[in-house]
Amino acid sequence: LSDKGFDLDTLNNSDRNNPRRLLNYLVKMQSAQDKTEQKIPQKHYQFELLNIKPNLRSLQISLQNRVEQMFAQGLLAEGIYLKKLQLQGKLNQQIQNAAGFKQLLEWLDLHPNLLNSRDYKSALIHIAPQEISQLKEAVYLSHYHLAKKQITWNKKYFTTSPDAMAAPKAGIGTGL
């Protein structure tokens, strides 16, 4: 096994003498070796990476303003239209799981009268203001969690040192 590149000296005696542990070690090492041998075709682009790490409080305020703006620009009307498409089986799964829309569609399940009304704004009168506030909070939280995931992804896959700032780590962002 040593000639194949497996270093059994890293194992203790009980691991070396236990066939199950030895097999697990070999499988793990072979898998790791296969992964390093895989060549990922990379396209080379010139780009500059801006590492913007927002202040958490400013992110929250920005998202709250964005959610209010979305509702002011007709998010609820769009949600009603999309819910009708969903009931007909014509709504794309990605849209159903999009940040904010998933919560909106679930909320509309609880308020089917909005779907049947010709004028949803008049039907909103019969819905308690705290329910609409809860919907806005759910949409806000979905966007907040998405933003946090994006920040974490950037931290994980991009370095912040000036020398490596323009290049992503191996395999990330190569297929764009």
C-alpha atoms as a PDB file:
ATOM      1  CA  LEU A   1       0.000   0.000   0.000  1.00  0.00           C
ATOM      2  CA  SER A   2       2.930   2.318   0.604  1.00  0.00           C
ATOM      3  CA  ASP A   3       3.847   2.163  -3.084  1.00  0.00           C
ATOM      4  CA  LYS A   4       0.314   3.376  -3.938  1.00  0.00           C
ATOM      5  CA  GLY A   5       0.807   6.498  -1.830  1.00  0.00           C
ATOM      6  CA  PHE A   6      -1.057   5.402   1.293  1.00  0.00           C
ATOM      7  CA  ASP A   7       0.824   6.225   4.489  1.00  0.00           C
ATOM      8  CA  LEU A   8      -0.156   3.598   7.021  1.00  0.00           C
ATOM      9  CA  ASP A   9       2.235   5.094   9.585  1.00  0.00           C
ATOM     10  CA  THR A  10      -0.458   7.669  10.372  1.00  0.00           C
ATOM     11  CA  LEU A  11      -2.627   4.867  11.787  1.00  0.00           C
ATOM     12  CA  ASN A  12      -2.156   3.452  15.245  1.00  0.00           C
ATOM     13  CA  ASN A  13      -1.721  -0.323  15.774  1.00  0.00           C
ATOM     14  CA  SER A  14      -5.370  -1.011  16.563  1.00  0.00           C
ATOM     15  CA  ASP A  15      -6.456   0.798  13.357  1.00  0.00           C
ATOM     16  CA  ARG A  16      -3.827  -0.997  11.296  1.00  0.00           C
ATOM     17  CA  ASN A  17      -4.933  -4.406  12.649  1.00  0.00           C
ATOM     18  CA  ASN A  18      -8.686  -3.759  12.363  1.00  0.00           C
ATOM     19  CA  PRO A  19      -9.852  -4.687   8.836  1.00  0.00           C
ATOM     20  CA  ARG A  20     -12.925  -2.435   8.995  1.00  0.00           C
ATOM     21  CA  ARG A  21     -10.948   0.648  10.045  1.00  0.00           C
ATOM     22  CA  LEU A  22      -8.250  -0.135   7.506  1.00  0.00           C
ATOM     23  CA  LEU A  23     -10.839  -0.423   4.743  1.00  0.00           C
ATOM     24  CA  ASN A  24     -12.492   2.855   5.819  1.00  0.00           C
ATOM     25  CA  TYR A  25      -9.092   4.565   5.793  1.00  0.00           C
ATOM     26  CA  LEU A  26      -8.289   3.267   2.313  1.00  0.00           C
ATOM     27  CA  VAL A  27     -11.673   4.302   0.937  1.00  0.00           C
ATOM     28  CA  LYS A  28     -11.338   7.760   2.458  1.00  0.00           C
ATOM     29  CA  MET A  29      -7.806   8.217   1.146  1.00  0.00           C
ATOM     30  CA  GLN A  30      -8.729   6.972  -2.347  1.00  0.00           C
ATOM     31  CA  SER A  31     -11.733   9.309  -2.420  1.00  0.00           C
ATOM     32  CA  ALA A  32      -9.562  12.251  -1.380  1.00  0.00           C
ATOM     33  CA  GLN A  33      -6.962  11.319  -3.984  1.00  0.00           C
ATOM     34  CA  ASP A  34      -9.635  11.054  -6.708  1.00  0.00           C
ATOM     35  CA  LYS A  35     -10.965  14.496  -5.818  1.00  0.00           C
ATOM     36  CA  THR A  36      -7.555  16.113  -6.077  1.00  0.00           C
ATOM     37  CA  GLU A  37      -6.894  14.408  -9.409  1.00  0.00           C
ATOM     38  CA  GLN A  38     -10.109  15.703 -10.978  1.00  0.00           C
ATOM     39  CA  LYS A  39      -9.399  18.528 -13.327  1.00  0.00           C
ATOM     40  CA  ILE A  40     -12.019  21.233 -13.342  1.00  0.00           C
ATOM     41  CA  PRO A  41     -12.075  23.124 -16.610  1.00  0.00           C
ATOM     42  CA  GLN A  42     -11.688  26.753 -15.759  1.00  0.00           C
ATOM     43  CA  LYS A  43     -12.630  29.736 -17.791  1.00  0.00           C
ATOM     44  CA  HIS A  44     -10.471  32.699 -17.031  1.00  0.00           C
ATOM     45  CA  TYR A  45     -12.079  36.074 -16.687  1.00  0.00           C
ATOM     46  CA  GLN A  46     -10.607  39.304 -15.551  1.00  0.00           C
ATOM     47  CA  PHE A  47     -12.629  40.694 -12.710  1.00  0.00           C
ATOM     48  CA  GLU A  48     -12.251  42.620  -9.543  1.00  0.00           C
ATOM     49  CA  LEU A  49     -13.818  41.341  -6.390  1.00  0.00           C
ATOM     50  CA  LEU A  50     -15.340  43.909  -4.118  1.00  0.00           C
ATOM     51  CA  ASN A  51     -15.658  42.581  -0.638  1.00  0.00           C
ATOM     52  CA  ILE A  52     -18.511  44.480   0.874  1.00  0.00           C
ATOM     53  CA  LYS A  53     -19.378  43.354   4.355  1.00  0.00           C
ATOM     54  CA  PRO A  54     -22.369  45.390   5.416  1.00  0.00           C
ATOM     55  CA  ASN A  55     -22.935  46.483   8.948  1.00  0.00           C
ATOM     56  CA  LEU A  56     -25.593  44.134  10.331  1.00  0.00           C
ATOM     57  CA  ARG A  57     -27.828  46.987  11.461  1.00  0.00           C
ATOM     58  CA  SER A  58     -27.607  48.765   8.098  1.00  0.00           C
ATOM     59  CA  LEU A  59     -28.422  45.461   6.368  1.00  0.00           C
ATOM     60  CA  GLN A  60     -31.534  45.072   8.531  1.00  0.00           C
ATOM     61  CA  ILE A  61     -32.685  48.625   7.822  1.00  0.00           C
ATOM     62  CA  SER A  62     -32.031  48.227   4.112  1.00  0.00           C
ATOM     63  CA  LEU A  63     -34.005  44.988   3.986  1.00  0.00           C
ATOM     64  CA  GLN A  64     -36.889  46.463   5.984  1.00  0.00           C
ATOM     65  CA  ASN A  65     -37.071  49.384   3.564  1.00  0.00           C
ATOM     66  CA  ARG A  66     -36.875  46.988   0.615  1.00  0.00           C
ATOM     67  CA  VAL A  67     -39.748  44.854   1.916  1.00  0.00           C
ATOM     68  CA  GLU A  68     -41.908  47.944   2.475  1.00  0.00           C
ATOM     69  CA  GLN A  69     -41.068  49.071  -1.053  1.00  0.00           C
ATOM     70  CA  MET A  70     -41.982  45.647  -2.457  1.00  0.00           C
ATOM     71  CA  PHE A  71     -45.396  45.773  -0.790  1.00  0.00           C
ATOM     72  CA  ALA A  72     -45.945  49.357  -1.933  1.00  0.00           C
ATOM     73  CA  GLN A  73     -45.142  48.331  -5.514  1.00  0.00           C
ATOM     74  CA  GLY A  74     -47.701  45.503  -5.550  1.00  0.00           C
ATOM     75  CA  LEU A  75     -46.101  42.398  -4.095  1.00  0.00           C
ATOM     76  CA  LEU A  76     -49.462  41.250  -2.779  1.00  0.00           C
ATOM     77  CA  ALA A  77     -51.151  41.601  -6.196  1.00  0.00           C
ATOM     78  CA  GLU A  78     -48.280  39.717  -7.820  1.00  0.00           C
ATOM     79  CA  GLY A  79     -48.553  37.042  -5.151  1.00  0.00           C
ATOM     80  CA  ILE A  80     -52.265  36.610  -5.827  1.00  0.00           C
ATOM     81  CA  TYR A  81     -51.557  36.222  -9.544  1.00  0.00           C
ATOM     82  CA  LEU A  82     -48.809  33.665  -8.825  1.00  0.00           C
ATOM     83  CA  LYS A  83     -51.042  31.775  -6.385  1.00  0.00           C
ATOM     84  CA  LYS A  84     -53.672  31.407  -9.095  1.00  0.00           C
ATOM     85  CA  LEU A  85     -51.004  30.034 -11.438  1.00  0.00           C
ATOM     86  CA  GLN A  86     -49.845  27.662  -8.692  1.00  0.00           C
ATOM     87  CA  LEU A  87     -53.373  26.330  -8.227  1.00  0.00           C
ATOM     88  CA  GLN A  88     -53.528  25.656 -11.975  1.00  0.00           C
ATOM     89  CA  GLY A  89     -50.173  23.826 -11.804  1.00  0.00           C
ATOM     90  CA  LYS A  90     -48.482  26.410 -14.023  1.00  0.00           C
ATOM     91  CA  LEU A  91     -46.068  27.960 -11.524  1.00  0.00           C
ATOM     92  CA  ASN A  92     -42.363  27.177 -11.766  1.00  0.00           C
ATOM     93  CA  GLN A  93     -40.925  25.460  -8.669  1.00  0.00           C
ATOM     94  CA  GLN A  94     -38.090  28.004  -8.415  1.00  0.00           C
ATOM     95  CA  ILE A  95     -40.575  30.841  -8.079  1.00  0.00           C
ATOM     96  CA  GLN A  96     -42.480  28.911  -5.424  1.00  0.00           C
ATOM     97  CA  ASN A  97     -39.296  28.650  -3.360  1.00  0.00           C
ATOM     98  CA  ALA A  98     -37.966  32.156  -4.007  1.00  0.00           C
ATOM     99  CA  ALA A  99     -37.220  34.345  -1.007  1.00  0.00           C
ATOM    100  CA  GLY A 100     -40.386  36.065   0.081  1.00  0.00           C
ATOM    101  CA  PHE A 101     -42.667  34.383  -2.444  1.00  0.00           C
ATOM    102  CA  LYS A 102     -42.718  31.096  -0.559  1.00  0.00           C
ATOM    103  CA  GLN A 103     -43.966  32.902   2.540  1.00  0.00           C
ATOM    104  CA  LEU A 104     -46.436  34.957   0.507  1.00  0.00           C
ATOM    105  CA  LEU A 105     -47.902  31.874  -1.187  1.00  0.00           C
ATOM    106  CA  GLU A 106     -48.217  30.094   2.164  1.00  0.00           C
ATOM    107  CA  TRP A 107     -49.938  33.154   3.646  1.00  0.00           C
ATOM    108  CA  LEU A 108     -52.364  33.237   0.723  1.00  0.00           C
ATOM    109  CA  ASP A 109     -53.272  29.612   1.504  1.00  0.00           C
ATOM    110  CA  LEU A 110     -54.695  30.972   4.759  1.00  0.00           C
ATOM    111  CA  HIS A 111     -56.646  33.718   2.939  1.00  0.00           C
ATOM    112  CA  PRO A 112     -58.368  32.147  -0.094  1.00  0.00           C
ATOM    113  CA  ASN A 113     -60.949  34.953  -0.137  1.00  0.00           C
ATOM    114  CA  LEU A 114     -58.271  37.234  -1.606  1.00  0.00           C
ATOM    115  CA  LEU A 115     -58.012  34.943  -4.631  1.00  0.00           C
ATOM    116  CA  ASN A 116     -61.729  35.053  -5.363  1.00  0.00           C
ATOM    117  CA  SER A 117     -62.140  38.781  -4.912  1.00  0.00           C
ATOM    118  CA  ARG A 118     -62.204  41.052  -7.961  1.00  0.00           C
ATOM    119  CA  ASP A 119     -60.570  43.805  -5.946  1.00  0.00           C
ATOM    120  CA  TYR A 120     -58.126  42.342  -3.451  1.00  0.00           C
ATOM    121  CA  LYS A 121     -57.650  45.746  -1.784  1.00  0.00           C
ATOM    122  CA  SER A 122     -61.260  45.788  -0.641  1.00  0.00           C
ATOM    123  CA  ALA A 123     -60.868  42.208   0.625  1.00  0.00           C
ATOM    124  CA  LEU A 124     -57.817  43.280   2.648  1.00  0.00           C
ATOM    125  CA  ILE A 125     -60.110  45.356   4.864  1.00  0.00           C
ATOM    126  CA  HIS A 126     -61.314  42.118   6.460  1.00  0.00           C
ATOM    127  CA  ILE A 127     -57.777  40.999   7.323  1.00  0.00           C
ATOM    128  CA  ALA A 128     -56.313  42.119  10.611  1.00  0.00           C
ATOM    129  CA  PRO A 129     -53.378  44.562  10.286  1.00  0.00           C
ATOM    130  CA  GLN A 130     -51.215  42.333  12.501  1.00  0.00           C
ATOM    131  CA  GLU A 131     -51.630  39.490   9.977  1.00  0.00           C
ATOM    132  CA  ILE A 132     -50.255  41.711   7.222  1.00  0.00           C
ATOM    133  CA  SER A 133     -47.452  42.758   9.577  1.00  0.00           C
ATOM    134  CA  GLN A 134     -46.688  39.072  10.190  1.00  0.00           C
ATOM    135  CA  LEU A 135     -46.531  38.493   6.437  1.00  0.00           C
ATOM    136  CA  LYS A 136     -44.153  41.426   6.020  1.00  0.00           C
ATOM    137  CA  GLU A 137     -42.015  40.050   8.847  1.00  0.00           C
ATOM    138  CA  ALA A 138     -41.919  36.598   7.200  1.00  0.00           C
ATOM    139  CA  VAL A 139     -40.874  38.126   3.855  1.00  0.00           C
ATOM    140  CA  TYR A 140     -38.257  40.239   5.635  1.00  0.00           C
ATOM    141  CA  LEU A 141     -36.846  37.222   7.481  1.00  0.00           C
ATOM    142  CA  SER A 142     -36.579  35.176   4.290  1.00  0.00           C
ATOM    143  CA  HIS A 143     -34.601  37.981   2.634  1.00  0.00           C
ATOM    144  CA  TYR A 144     -32.491  38.460   5.762  1.00  0.00           C
ATOM    145  CA  HIS A 145     -31.599  34.762   5.894  1.00  0.00           C
ATOM    146  CA  LEU A 146     -30.736  34.815   2.196  1.00  0.00           C
ATOM    147  CA  ALA A 147     -28.471  37.836   2.704  1.00  0.00           C
ATOM    148  CA  LYS A 148     -26.754  36.100   5.622  1.00  0.00           C
ATOM    149  CA  LYS A 149     -26.208  32.986   3.475  1.00  0.00           C
ATOM    150  CA  GLN A 150     -24.690  35.127   0.743  1.00  0.00           C
ATOM    151  CA  ILE A 151     -22.356  36.822   3.213  1.00  0.00           C
ATOM    152  CA  THR A 152     -21.306  33.429   4.587  1.00  0.00           C
ATOM    153  CA  TRP A 153     -20.764  32.079   1.063  1.00  0.00           C
ATOM    154  CA  ASN A 154     -18.544  35.027   0.208  1.00  0.00           C
ATOM    155  CA  LYS A 155     -16.539  34.548   3.392  1.00  0.00           C
ATOM    156  CA  LYS A 156     -16.127  30.853   2.642  1.00  0.00           C
ATOM    157  CA  TYR A 157     -15.135  31.018  -1.011  1.00  0.00           C
ATOM    158  CA  PHE A 158     -13.339  34.301  -1.407  1.00  0.00           C
ATOM    159  CA  THR A 159     -10.263  35.477   0.392  1.00  0.00           C
ATOM    160  CA  THR A 160      -9.830  39.047   1.492  1.00  0.00           C
ATOM    161  CA  SER A 161      -6.066  39.325   1.148  1.00  0.00           C
ATOM    162  CA  PRO A 162      -5.082  41.903  -1.484  1.00  0.00           C
ATOM    163  CA  ASP A 163      -2.965  39.344  -3.405  1.00  0.00           C
ATOM    164  CA  ALA A 164      -5.766  36.802  -3.752  1.00  0.00           C
ATOM    165  CA  MET A 165      -8.660  39.218  -3.954  1.00  0.00           C
ATOM    166  CA  ALA A 166      -9.171  38.867  -7.708  1.00  0.00           C
ATOM    167  CA  ALA A 167      -9.227  35.066  -7.815  1.00  0.00           C
ATOM    168  CA  PRO A 168     -11.816  32.737  -6.340  1.00  0.00           C
ATOM    169  CA  LYS A 169     -10.721  29.516  -4.696  1.00  0.00           C
ATOM    170  CA  ALA A 170     -10.378  26.506  -6.996  1.00  0.00           C
ATOM    171  CA  GLY A 171     -13.567  25.429  -8.702  1.00  0.00           C
ATOM    172  CA  ILE A 172     -15.755  28.272  -7.481  1.00  0.00           C
ATOM    173  CA  GLY A 173     -17.206  30.640 -10.024  1.00  0.00           C
ATOM    174  CA  THR A 174     -15.449  28.927 -12.906  1.00  0.00           C
ATOM    175  CA  GLY A 175     -18.456  28.062 -14.991  1.00  0.00           C
ATOM    176  CA  LEU A 176     -19.953  31.515 -15.289  1.00  0.00           C
END
